[in-house]
Amino acid sequence: MGASGSKDYSHIHHSLHRKEYHQVSADGIDANVDPIGQFRERCEEKVADLKAVLEECTNRVNSKSATDETCHQEMCDYVQALDHCAIPQAWKQLK
């Protein structure tokens, strides 16, 4: 907190005025952002069915006051499918 007891937000002001330049490759991948995450975003449509299953499970678990269900398997299936799609694309970019 500042001297007057208020929070000091000067770091936010500085970051808002700092210019950042992002280098984007020909395939639209931003070099300043994790490429796996970007490829996963591109693959989300291909695994929408697994995401729907995960969301259904999450909603079911959240609707109960007590349950042993965790949706762990649904999450693993979804992430595995995303990676199955994204990682080959990321490897191609590294070459």
C-alpha atoms as a PDB file:
ATOM      1  CA  MET A   1       0.000   0.000   0.000  1.00  0.00           C
ATOM      2  CA  GLY A   2       1.046   3.549  -0.616  1.00  0.00           C
ATOM      3  CA  ALA A   3       1.817   6.152   2.013  1.00  0.00           C
ATOM      4  CA  SER A   4      -1.826   7.280   2.185  1.00  0.00           C
ATOM      5  CA  GLY A   5      -3.041   3.745   2.864  1.00  0.00           C
ATOM      6  CA  SER A   6      -4.239   3.153  -0.696  1.00  0.00           C
ATOM      7  CA  LYS A   7      -2.981   0.384  -2.933  1.00  0.00           C
ATOM      8  CA  ASP A   8      -0.185   1.203  -5.364  1.00  0.00           C
ATOM      9  CA  TYR A   9      -1.224   0.459  -8.957  1.00  0.00           C
ATOM     10  CA  SER A  10       1.704   2.184 -10.694  1.00  0.00           C
ATOM     11  CA  HIS A  11       2.930  -1.135 -12.110  1.00  0.00           C
ATOM     12  CA  ILE A  12      -0.345  -1.507 -14.006  1.00  0.00           C
ATOM     13  CA  HIS A  13      -0.005   1.952 -15.539  1.00  0.00           C
ATOM     14  CA  HIS A  14       3.524   1.096 -16.668  1.00  0.00           C
ATOM     15  CA  SER A  15       2.500  -2.188 -18.271  1.00  0.00           C
ATOM     16  CA  LEU A  16      -0.427  -0.572 -20.102  1.00  0.00           C
ATOM     17  CA  HIS A  17       1.892   1.885 -21.821  1.00  0.00           C
ATOM     18  CA  ARG A  18       4.648  -0.565 -22.651  1.00  0.00           C
ATOM     19  CA  LYS A  19       4.569  -1.506 -26.317  1.00  0.00           C
ATOM     20  CA  GLU A  20       4.851  -5.188 -27.010  1.00  0.00           C
ATOM     21  CA  TYR A  21       5.503  -6.571 -30.453  1.00  0.00           C
ATOM     22  CA  HIS A  22       4.532 -10.119 -31.222  1.00  0.00           C
ATOM     23  CA  GLN A  23       6.215 -12.082 -33.943  1.00  0.00           C
ATOM     24  CA  VAL A  24       3.627 -14.191 -35.747  1.00  0.00           C
ATOM     25  CA  SER A  25       4.673 -17.014 -38.072  1.00  0.00           C
ATOM     26  CA  ALA A  26       3.149 -17.679 -41.486  1.00  0.00           C
ATOM     27  CA  ASP A  27       0.775 -20.237 -39.942  1.00  0.00           C
ATOM     28  CA  GLY A  28      -0.521 -17.695 -37.419  1.00  0.00           C
ATOM     29  CA  ILE A  29       1.403 -18.893 -34.361  1.00  0.00           C
ATOM     30  CA  ASP A  30       2.517 -16.084 -32.032  1.00  0.00           C
ATOM     31  CA  ALA A  31       6.166 -16.660 -31.076  1.00  0.00           C
ATOM     32  CA  ASN A  32       5.636 -14.947 -27.698  1.00  0.00           C
ATOM     33  CA  VAL A  33       2.875 -17.333 -26.620  1.00  0.00           C
ATOM     34  CA  ASP A  34       3.117 -21.035 -25.782  1.00  0.00           C
ATOM     35  CA  PRO A  35       2.692 -22.777 -29.169  1.00  0.00           C
ATOM     36  CA  ILE A  36       1.157 -25.934 -27.679  1.00  0.00           C
ATOM     37  CA  GLY A  37      -1.628 -23.828 -26.173  1.00  0.00           C
ATOM     38  CA  GLN A  38      -2.253 -22.173 -29.527  1.00  0.00           C
ATOM     39  CA  PHE A  39      -2.386 -25.518 -31.326  1.00  0.00           C
ATOM     40  CA  ARG A  40      -4.715 -26.892 -28.638  1.00  0.00           C
ATOM     41  CA  GLU A  41      -7.047 -23.942 -29.235  1.00  0.00           C
ATOM     42  CA  ARG A  42      -7.095 -24.799 -32.936  1.00  0.00           C
ATOM     43  CA  CYS A  43      -7.943 -28.416 -32.105  1.00  0.00           C
ATOM     44  CA  GLU A  44     -10.819 -27.645 -29.727  1.00  0.00           C
ATOM     45  CA  GLU A  45     -13.426 -27.925 -32.474  1.00  0.00           C
ATOM     46  CA  LYS A  46     -12.190 -31.403 -33.388  1.00  0.00           C
ATOM     47  CA  VAL A  47     -12.666 -32.655 -29.823  1.00  0.00           C
ATOM     48  CA  ALA A  48     -15.873 -30.758 -29.024  1.00  0.00           C
ATOM     49  CA  ASP A  49     -17.675 -34.020 -28.252  1.00  0.00           C
ATOM     50  CA  LEU A  50     -15.214 -34.859 -25.466  1.00  0.00           C
ATOM     51  CA  LYS A  51     -15.408 -31.325 -24.116  1.00  0.00           C
ATOM     52  CA  ALA A  52     -19.205 -31.672 -23.974  1.00  0.00           C
ATOM     53  CA  VAL A  53     -18.850 -34.923 -22.003  1.00  0.00           C
ATOM     54  CA  LEU A  54     -16.451 -33.197 -19.594  1.00  0.00           C
ATOM     55  CA  GLU A  55     -18.757 -30.206 -19.154  1.00  0.00           C
ATOM     56  CA  GLU A  56     -21.748 -32.507 -18.561  1.00  0.00           C
ATOM     57  CA  CYS A  57     -19.800 -34.368 -15.886  1.00  0.00           C
ATOM     58  CA  THR A  58     -18.599 -31.117 -14.295  1.00  0.00           C
ATOM     59  CA  ASN A  59     -22.141 -29.758 -14.164  1.00  0.00           C
ATOM     60  CA  ARG A  60     -23.382 -33.019 -12.643  1.00  0.00           C
ATOM     61  CA  VAL A  61     -20.667 -32.973  -9.961  1.00  0.00           C
ATOM     62  CA  ASN A  62     -21.197 -29.288  -9.191  1.00  0.00           C
ATOM     63  CA  SER A  63     -24.931 -29.822  -8.803  1.00  0.00           C
ATOM     64  CA  LYS A  64     -24.457 -32.271  -5.928  1.00  0.00           C
ATOM     65  CA  SER A  65     -23.690 -31.290  -2.366  1.00  0.00           C
ATOM     66  CA  ALA A  66     -21.613 -34.446  -1.867  1.00  0.00           C
ATOM     67  CA  THR A  67     -20.248 -36.950  -4.365  1.00  0.00           C
ATOM     68  CA  ASP A  68     -17.244 -39.172  -4.965  1.00  0.00           C
ATOM     69  CA  GLU A  69     -17.348 -38.455  -8.703  1.00  0.00           C
ATOM     70  CA  THR A  70     -14.409 -36.338  -9.919  1.00  0.00           C
ATOM     71  CA  CYS A  71     -14.590 -36.247 -13.759  1.00  0.00           C
ATOM     72  CA  HIS A  72     -10.918 -37.209 -13.783  1.00  0.00           C
ATOM     73  CA  GLN A  73     -11.327 -39.718 -16.627  1.00  0.00           C
ATOM     74  CA  GLU A  74     -13.328 -37.234 -18.717  1.00  0.00           C
ATOM     75  CA  MET A  75     -10.601 -34.607 -18.237  1.00  0.00           C
ATOM     76  CA  CYS A  76      -7.873 -37.084 -19.173  1.00  0.00           C
ATOM     77  CA  ASP A  77      -9.750 -38.144 -22.311  1.00  0.00           C
ATOM     78  CA  TYR A  78     -10.254 -34.513 -23.368  1.00  0.00           C
ATOM     79  CA  VAL A  79      -6.634 -33.442 -22.786  1.00  0.00           C
ATOM     80  CA  GLN A  80      -5.287 -36.584 -24.464  1.00  0.00           C
ATOM     81  CA  ALA A  81      -7.405 -35.897 -27.562  1.00  0.00           C
ATOM     82  CA  LEU A  82      -6.270 -32.255 -27.640  1.00  0.00           C
ATOM     83  CA  ASP A  83      -2.635 -33.318 -27.401  1.00  0.00           C
ATOM     84  CA  HIS A  84      -3.096 -36.033 -30.030  1.00  0.00           C
ATOM     85  CA  CYS A  85      -4.214 -33.287 -32.405  1.00  0.00           C
ATOM     86  CA  ALA A  86      -1.888 -30.463 -31.288  1.00  0.00           C
ATOM     87  CA  ILE A  87       1.492 -32.073 -30.708  1.00  0.00           C
ATOM     88  CA  PRO A  88       2.131 -33.263 -34.293  1.00  0.00           C
ATOM     89  CA  GLN A  89       1.421 -29.710 -35.487  1.00  0.00           C
ATOM     90  CA  ALA A  90       3.839 -28.306 -32.910  1.00  0.00           C
ATOM     91  CA  TRP A  91       6.576 -30.725 -33.983  1.00  0.00           C
ATOM     92  CA  LYS A  92       6.158 -29.658 -37.613  1.00  0.00           C
ATOM     93  CA  GLN A  93       6.683 -26.048 -36.563  1.00  0.00           C
ATOM     94  CA  LEU A  94       9.933 -26.918 -34.762  1.00  0.00           C
ATOM     95  CA  LYS A  95      11.500 -28.428 -37.876  1.00  0.00           C
END
